[in-house]
PDB file of all heavy atoms in Angstrom:
ATOM      1  N   VAL A   1     -16.943  -2.362   5.324  1.00  0.00           N
ATOM      2  CA  VAL A   1     -17.758  -1.227   5.744  1.00  0.00           C
ATOM      3  C   VAL A   1     -18.378  -0.592   4.495  1.00  0.00           C
ATOM      4  O   VAL A   1     -18.122  -1.011   3.368  1.00  0.00           O
ATOM      5  CB  VAL A   1     -16.933  -0.198   6.541  1.00  0.00           C
ATOM      6  CG1 VAL A   1     -16.399  -0.834   7.814  1.00  0.00           C
ATOM      7  CG2 VAL A   1     -15.798   0.382   5.716  1.00  0.00           C
ATOM      8  N   LEU A   2     -19.208   0.411   4.703  1.00  0.00           N
ATOM      9  CA  LEU A   2     -19.903   1.057   3.591  1.00  0.00           C
ATOM     10  C   LEU A   2     -18.898   1.608   2.579  1.00  0.00           C
ATOM     11  O   LEU A   2     -17.915   2.259   2.972  1.00  0.00           O
ATOM     12  CB  LEU A   2     -20.778   2.196   4.135  1.00  0.00           C
ATOM     13  CG  LEU A   2     -21.774   2.808   3.159  1.00  0.00           C
ATOM     14  CD1 LEU A   2     -22.913   1.837   2.869  1.00  0.00           C
ATOM     15  CD2 LEU A   2     -22.336   4.107   3.750  1.00  0.00           C
ATOM     16  N   PRO A   3     -19.097   1.392   1.274  1.00  0.00           N
ATOM     17  CA  PRO A   3     -18.127   1.851   0.270  1.00  0.00           C
ATOM     18  C   PRO A   3     -18.278   3.337  -0.057  1.00  0.00           C
ATOM     19  O   PRO A   3     -18.684   3.730  -1.155  1.00  0.00           O
ATOM     20  CB  PRO A   3     -18.449   0.974  -0.941  1.00  0.00           C
ATOM     21  CG  PRO A   3     -19.916   0.712  -0.824  1.00  0.00           C
ATOM     22  CD  PRO A   3     -20.184   0.597   0.650  1.00  0.00           C
ATOM     23  N   ALA A   4     -17.943   4.175   0.903  1.00  0.00           N
ATOM     24  CA  ALA A   4     -17.958   5.624   0.728  1.00  0.00           C
ATOM     25  C   ALA A   4     -16.798   6.161   1.552  1.00  0.00           C
ATOM     26  O   ALA A   4     -16.804   6.047   2.785  1.00  0.00           O
ATOM     27  CB  ALA A   4     -19.284   6.216   1.189  1.00  0.00           C
ATOM     28  N   ALA A   5     -15.796   6.745   0.897  1.00  0.00           N
ATOM     29  CA  ALA A   5     -14.542   7.124   1.556  1.00  0.00           C
ATOM     30  C   ALA A   5     -14.373   8.633   1.594  1.00  0.00           C
ATOM     31  O   ALA A   5     -14.469   9.305   0.563  1.00  0.00           O
ATOM     32  CB  ALA A   5     -13.354   6.494   0.835  1.00  0.00           C
ATOM     33  N   ILE A   6     -14.123   9.155   2.778  1.00  0.00           N
ATOM     34  CA  ILE A   6     -13.689  10.545   2.914  1.00  0.00           C
ATOM     35  C   ILE A   6     -12.172  10.547   2.741  1.00  0.00           C
ATOM     36  O   ILE A   6     -11.454   9.859   3.466  1.00  0.00           O
ATOM     37  CB  ILE A   6     -14.081  11.112   4.283  1.00  0.00           C
ATOM     38  CG1 ILE A   6     -15.603  11.157   4.410  1.00  0.00           C
ATOM     39  CG2 ILE A   6     -13.487  12.511   4.485  1.00  0.00           C
ATOM     40  CD1 ILE A   6     -16.096  11.480   5.794  1.00  0.00           C
ATOM     41  N   VAL A   7     -11.705  11.305   1.750  1.00  0.00           N
ATOM     42  CA  VAL A   7     -10.277  11.329   1.404  1.00  0.00           C
ATOM     43  C   VAL A   7      -9.783  12.764   1.532  1.00  0.00           C
ATOM     44  O   VAL A   7     -10.339  13.684   0.919  1.00  0.00           O
ATOM     45  CB  VAL A   7     -10.051  10.800  -0.028  1.00  0.00           C
ATOM     46  CG1 VAL A   7      -8.587  10.954  -0.437  1.00  0.00           C
ATOM     47  CG2 VAL A   7     -10.481   9.344  -0.121  1.00  0.00           C
ATOM     48  N   ILE A   8      -8.720  12.948   2.339  1.00  0.00           N
ATOM     49  CA  ILE A   8      -8.217  14.290   2.640  1.00  0.00           C
ATOM     50  C   ILE A   8      -6.727  14.346   2.326  1.00  0.00           C
ATOM     51  O   ILE A   8      -5.920  13.677   2.997  1.00  0.00           O
ATOM     52  CB  ILE A   8      -8.425  14.629   4.131  1.00  0.00           C
ATOM     53  CG1 ILE A   8      -9.876  14.371   4.540  1.00  0.00           C
ATOM     54  CG2 ILE A   8      -8.028  16.069   4.426  1.00  0.00           C
ATOM     55  CD1 ILE A   8     -10.076  14.335   6.041  1.00  0.00           C
ATOM     56  N   PRO A   9      -6.312  15.115   1.315  1.00  0.00           N
ATOM     57  CA  PRO A   9      -4.872  15.298   1.074  1.00  0.00           C
ATOM     58  C   PRO A   9      -4.230  15.913   2.321  1.00  0.00           C
ATOM     59  O   PRO A   9      -4.780  16.842   2.926  1.00  0.00           O
ATOM     60  CB  PRO A   9      -4.835  16.265  -0.108  1.00  0.00           C
ATOM     61  CG  PRO A   9      -6.156  16.070  -0.797  1.00  0.00           C
ATOM     62  CD  PRO A   9      -7.140  15.799   0.304  1.00  0.00           C
ATOM     63  N   ILE A  10      -3.083  15.388   2.713  1.00  0.00           N
ATOM     64  CA  ILE A  10      -2.519  15.779   4.005  1.00  0.00           C
ATOM     65  C   ILE A  10      -1.026  15.535   4.006  1.00  0.00           C
ATOM     66  O   ILE A  10      -0.499  14.755   3.194  1.00  0.00           O
ATOM     67  CB  ILE A  10      -3.213  14.966   5.129  1.00  0.00           C
ATOM     68  CG1 ILE A  10      -3.042  15.646   6.480  1.00  0.00           C
ATOM     69  CG2 ILE A  10      -2.730  13.528   5.161  1.00  0.00           C
ATOM     70  CD1 ILE A  10      -3.947  15.065   7.548  1.00  0.00           C
ATOM     71  N   ARG A  11      -0.345  16.184   4.913  1.00  0.00           N
ATOM     72  CA  ARG A  11       1.066  15.896   5.139  1.00  0.00           C
ATOM     73  C   ARG A  11       1.174  14.884   6.278  1.00  0.00           C
ATOM     74  O   ARG A  11       0.444  14.964   7.271  1.00  0.00           O
ATOM     75  CB  ARG A  11       1.827  17.170   5.511  1.00  0.00           C
ATOM     76  CG  ARG A  11       1.828  18.241   4.429  1.00  0.00           C
ATOM     77  CD  ARG A  11       2.789  19.369   4.818  1.00  0.00           C
ATOM     78  NE  ARG A  11       2.536  19.844   6.191  1.00  0.00           N
ATOM     79  CZ  ARG A  11       1.637  20.779   6.499  1.00  0.00           C
ATOM     80  NH1 ARG A  11       0.906  21.338   5.544  1.00  0.00           N
ATOM     81  NH2 ARG A  11       1.476  21.152   7.752  1.00  0.00           N
ATOM     82  N   ARG A  12       2.107  13.961   6.141  1.00  0.00           N
ATOM     83  CA  ARG A  12       2.257  12.894   7.128  1.00  0.00           C
ATOM     84  C   ARG A  12       2.463  13.444   8.538  1.00  0.00           C
ATOM     85  O   ARG A  12       1.972  12.878   9.525  1.00  0.00           O
ATOM     86  CB  ARG A  12       3.422  11.993   6.739  1.00  0.00           C
ATOM     87  CG  ARG A  12       3.605  10.763   7.613  1.00  0.00           C
ATOM     88  CD  ARG A  12       4.741   9.918   7.084  1.00  0.00           C
ATOM     89  NE  ARG A  12       4.411   9.326   5.804  1.00  0.00           N
ATOM     90  CZ  ARG A  12       4.092   8.046   5.629  1.00  0.00           C
ATOM     91  NH1 ARG A  12       4.078   7.232   6.668  1.00  0.00           N
ATOM     92  NH2 ARG A  12       3.814   7.588   4.431  1.00  0.00           N
ATOM     93  N   ASP A  13       3.177  14.588   8.651  1.00  0.00           N
ATOM     94  CA  ASP A  13       3.466  15.111   9.987  1.00  0.00           C
ATOM     95  C   ASP A  13       2.233  15.715  10.666  1.00  0.00           C
ATOM     96  O   ASP A  13       2.272  16.042  11.848  1.00  0.00           O
ATOM     97  CB  ASP A  13       4.608  16.134   9.940  1.00  0.00           C
ATOM     98  CG  ASP A  13       4.296  17.334   9.040  1.00  0.00           C
ATOM     99  OD1 ASP A  13       3.137  17.472   8.576  1.00  0.00           O
ATOM    100  OD2 ASP A  13       5.211  18.138   8.796  1.00  0.00           O
ATOM    101  N   GLU A  14       1.135  15.872   9.918  1.00  0.00           N
ATOM    102  CA  GLU A  14      -0.101  16.368  10.536  1.00  0.00           C
ATOM    103  C   GLU A  14      -0.820  15.306  11.347  1.00  0.00           C
ATOM    104  O   GLU A  14      -1.665  15.615  12.176  1.00  0.00           O
ATOM    105  CB  GLU A  14      -1.065  16.900   9.464  1.00  0.00           C
ATOM    106  CG  GLU A  14      -0.669  18.218   8.839  1.00  0.00           C
ATOM    107  CD  GLU A  14      -1.800  18.755   7.974  1.00  0.00           C
ATOM    108  OE1 GLU A  14      -2.807  19.224   8.542  1.00  0.00           O
ATOM    109  OE2 GLU A  14      -1.681  18.683   6.742  1.00  0.00           O
ATOM    110  N   VAL A  15      -0.515  14.032  11.082  1.00  0.00           N
ATOM    111  CA  VAL A  15      -1.213  12.946  11.770  1.00  0.00           C
ATOM    112  C   VAL A  15      -0.190  11.971  12.360  1.00  0.00           C
ATOM    113  O   VAL A  15      -0.138  10.799  11.962  1.00  0.00           O
ATOM    114  CB  VAL A  15      -2.195  12.225  10.829  1.00  0.00           C
ATOM    115  CG1 VAL A  15      -3.444  13.055  10.603  1.00  0.00           C
ATOM    116  CG2 VAL A  15      -1.530  11.899   9.486  1.00  0.00           C
ATOM    117  N   PRO A  16       0.639  12.438  13.284  1.00  0.00           N
ATOM    118  CA  PRO A  16       1.643  11.544  13.872  1.00  0.00           C
ATOM    119  C   PRO A  16       0.964  10.366  14.570  1.00  0.00           C
ATOM    120  O   PRO A  16      -0.064  10.521  15.232  1.00  0.00           O
ATOM    121  CB  PRO A  16       2.369  12.446  14.877  1.00  0.00           C
ATOM    122  CG  PRO A  16       1.400  13.534  15.198  1.00  0.00           C
ATOM    123  CD  PRO A  16       0.622  13.769  13.926  1.00  0.00           C
ATOM    124  N   GLY A  17       1.522   9.198  14.349  1.00  0.00           N
ATOM    125  CA  GLY A  17       0.965   8.010  14.990  1.00  0.00           C
ATOM    126  C   GLY A  17      -0.125   7.321  14.205  1.00  0.00           C
ATOM    127  O   GLY A  17      -0.559   6.223  14.586  1.00  0.00           O
ATOM    128  N   ALA A  18      -0.574   7.911  13.106  1.00  0.00           N
ATOM    129  CA  ALA A  18      -1.620   7.274  12.305  1.00  0.00           C
ATOM    130  C   ALA A  18      -1.085   6.013  11.642  1.00  0.00           C
ATOM    131  O   ALA A  18       0.074   5.969  11.197  1.00  0.00           O
ATOM    132  CB  ALA A  18      -2.147   8.235  11.244  1.00  0.00           C
ATOM    133  N   VAL A  19      -1.897   4.985  11.566  1.00  0.00           N
ATOM    134  CA  VAL A  19      -1.522   3.770  10.851  1.00  0.00           C
ATOM    135  C   VAL A  19      -1.399   4.112   9.372  1.00  0.00           C
ATOM    136  O   VAL A  19      -2.293   4.738   8.789  1.00  0.00           O
ATOM    137  CB  VAL A  19      -2.560   2.664  11.067  1.00  0.00           C
ATOM    138  CG1 VAL A  19      -2.295   1.477  10.151  1.00  0.00           C
ATOM    139  CG2 VAL A  19      -2.559   2.210  12.524  1.00  0.00           C
ATOM    140  N   ALA A  20      -0.288   3.726   8.766  1.00  0.00           N
ATOM    141  CA  ALA A  20      -0.019   4.083   7.371  1.00  0.00           C
ATOM    142  C   ALA A  20       0.076   2.835   6.506  1.00  0.00           C
ATOM    143  O   ALA A  20       0.548   1.783   6.942  1.00  0.00           O
ATOM    144  CB  ALA A  20       1.273   4.888   7.277  1.00  0.00           C
ATOM    145  N   VAL A  21      -0.378   2.978   5.268  1.00  0.00           N
ATOM    146  CA  VAL A  21      -0.341   1.877   4.315  1.00  0.00           C
ATOM    147  C   VAL A  21      -0.199   2.480   2.926  1.00  0.00           C
ATOM    148  O   VAL A  21      -0.567   3.643   2.703  1.00  0.00           O
ATOM    149  CB  VAL A  21      -1.632   1.030   4.431  1.00  0.00           C
ATOM    150  CG1 VAL A  21      -2.845   1.813   3.953  1.00  0.00           C
ATOM    151  CG2 VAL A  21      -1.506  -0.277   3.682  1.00  0.00           C
ATOM    152  N   THR A  22       0.346   1.723   1.989  1.00  0.00           N
ATOM    153  CA  THR A  22       0.494   2.213   0.624  1.00  0.00           C
ATOM    154  C   THR A  22      -0.534   1.557  -0.284  1.00  0.00           C
ATOM    155  O   THR A  22      -1.027   0.454   0.002  1.00  0.00           O
ATOM    156  CB  THR A  22       1.894   1.931   0.069  1.00  0.00           C
ATOM    157  OG1 THR A  22       2.047   0.518  -0.121  1.00  0.00           O
ATOM    158  CG2 THR A  22       2.976   2.451   1.017  1.00  0.00           C
ATOM    159  N   ALA A  23      -0.825   2.231  -1.388  1.00  0.00           N
ATOM    160  CA  ALA A  23      -1.765   1.679  -2.368  1.00  0.00           C
ATOM    161  C   ALA A  23      -1.253   0.356  -2.917  1.00  0.00           C
ATOM    162  O   ALA A  23      -2.039  -0.559  -3.192  1.00  0.00           O
ATOM    163  CB  ALA A  23      -1.978   2.685  -3.501  1.00  0.00           C
ATOM    164  N   GLU A  24       0.060   0.230  -3.077  1.00  0.00           N
ATOM    165  CA  GLU A  24       0.636  -1.020  -3.587  1.00  0.00           C
ATOM    166  C   GLU A  24       0.398  -2.163  -2.612  1.00  0.00           C
ATOM    167  O   GLU A  24       0.105  -3.292  -3.019  1.00  0.00           O
ATOM    168  CB  GLU A  24       2.134  -0.837  -3.850  1.00  0.00           C
ATOM    169  CG  GLU A  24       2.468   0.092  -5.008  1.00  0.00           C
ATOM    170  CD  GLU A  24       2.293   1.579  -4.637  1.00  0.00           C
ATOM    171  OE1 GLU A  24       2.174   1.889  -3.434  1.00  0.00           O
ATOM    172  OE2 GLU A  24       2.277   2.409  -5.568  1.00  0.00           O
ATOM    173  N   GLU A  25       0.524  -1.896  -1.316  1.00  0.00           N
ATOM    174  CA  GLU A  25       0.275  -2.933  -0.315  1.00  0.00           C
ATOM    175  C   GLU A  25      -1.186  -3.370  -0.321  1.00  0.00           C
ATOM    176  O   GLU A  25      -1.491  -4.558  -0.194  1.00  0.00           O
ATOM    177  CB  GLU A  25       0.673  -2.427   1.073  1.00  0.00           C
ATOM    178  CG  GLU A  25       2.181  -2.302   1.252  1.00  0.00           C
ATOM    179  CD  GLU A  25       2.573  -1.493   2.470  1.00  0.00           C
ATOM    180  OE1 GLU A  25       1.732  -0.717   2.984  1.00  0.00           O
ATOM    181  OE2 GLU A  25       3.731  -1.627   2.918  1.00  0.00           O
ATOM    182  N   VAL A  26      -2.083  -2.407  -0.505  1.00  0.00           N
ATOM    183  CA  VAL A  26      -3.509  -2.739  -0.582  1.00  0.00           C
ATOM    184  C   VAL A  26      -3.781  -3.620  -1.803  1.00  0.00           C
ATOM    185  O   VAL A  26      -4.501  -4.616  -1.726  1.00  0.00           O
ATOM    186  CB  VAL A  26      -4.364  -1.453  -0.641  1.00  0.00           C
ATOM    187  CG1 VAL A  26      -5.837  -1.800  -0.834  1.00  0.00           C
ATOM    188  CG2 VAL A  26      -4.180  -0.628   0.624  1.00  0.00           C
ATOM    189  N   ALA A  27      -3.186  -3.258  -2.930  1.00  0.00           N
ATOM    190  CA  ALA A  27      -3.415  -4.012  -4.169  1.00  0.00           C
ATOM    191  C   ALA A  27      -2.916  -5.447  -4.067  1.00  0.00           C
ATOM    192  O   ALA A  27      -3.488  -6.360  -4.667  1.00  0.00           O
ATOM    193  CB  ALA A  27      -2.736  -3.298  -5.338  1.00  0.00           C
ATOM    194  N   ARG A  28      -1.840  -5.660  -3.297  1.00  0.00           N
ATOM    195  CA  ARG A  28      -1.266  -7.005  -3.180  1.00  0.00           C
ATOM    196  C   ARG A  28      -1.954  -7.857  -2.116  1.00  0.00           C
ATOM    197  O   ARG A  28      -1.720  -9.065  -2.039  1.00  0.00           O
ATOM    198  CB  ARG A  28       0.221  -6.905  -2.831  1.00  0.00           C
ATOM    199  CG  ARG A  28       1.110  -6.351  -3.928  1.00  0.00           C
ATOM    200  CD  ARG A  28       2.576  -6.648  -3.624  1.00  0.00           C
ATOM    201  NE  ARG A  28       3.007  -6.044  -2.360  1.00  0.00           N
ATOM    202  CZ  ARG A  28       3.623  -4.874  -2.255  1.00  0.00           C
ATOM    203  NH1 ARG A  28       3.874  -4.169  -3.351  1.00  0.00           N
ATOM    204  NH2 ARG A  28       4.009  -4.404  -1.088  1.00  0.00           N
ATOM    205  N   PHE A  29      -2.798  -7.251  -1.308  1.00  0.00           N
ATOM    206  CA  PHE A  29      -3.267  -7.918  -0.092  1.00  0.00           C
ATOM    207  C   PHE A  29      -4.070  -9.178  -0.380  1.00  0.00           C
ATOM    208  O   PHE A  29      -3.808 -10.231   0.218  1.00  0.00           O
ATOM    209  CB  PHE A  29      -4.112  -6.942   0.738  1.00  0.00           C
ATOM    210  CG  PHE A  29      -4.572  -7.515   2.054  1.00  0.00           C
ATOM    211  CD1 PHE A  29      -3.681  -7.646   3.103  1.00  0.00           C
ATOM    212  CD2 PHE A  29      -5.876  -7.923   2.233  1.00  0.00           C
ATOM    213  CE1 PHE A  29      -4.087  -8.169   4.325  1.00  0.00           C
ATOM    214  CE2 PHE A  29      -6.299  -8.449   3.447  1.00  0.00           C
ATOM    215  CZ  PHE A  29      -5.396  -8.569   4.493  1.00  0.00           C
TER     216      PHE A  29
END
């Protein structure tokens, strides 16, 4: 997709059920 990311600092409990991933997992993919 277009390389422009909206990034919002957040607490995990604010988005229950959201798919989660770590930067390390992305780097290894």
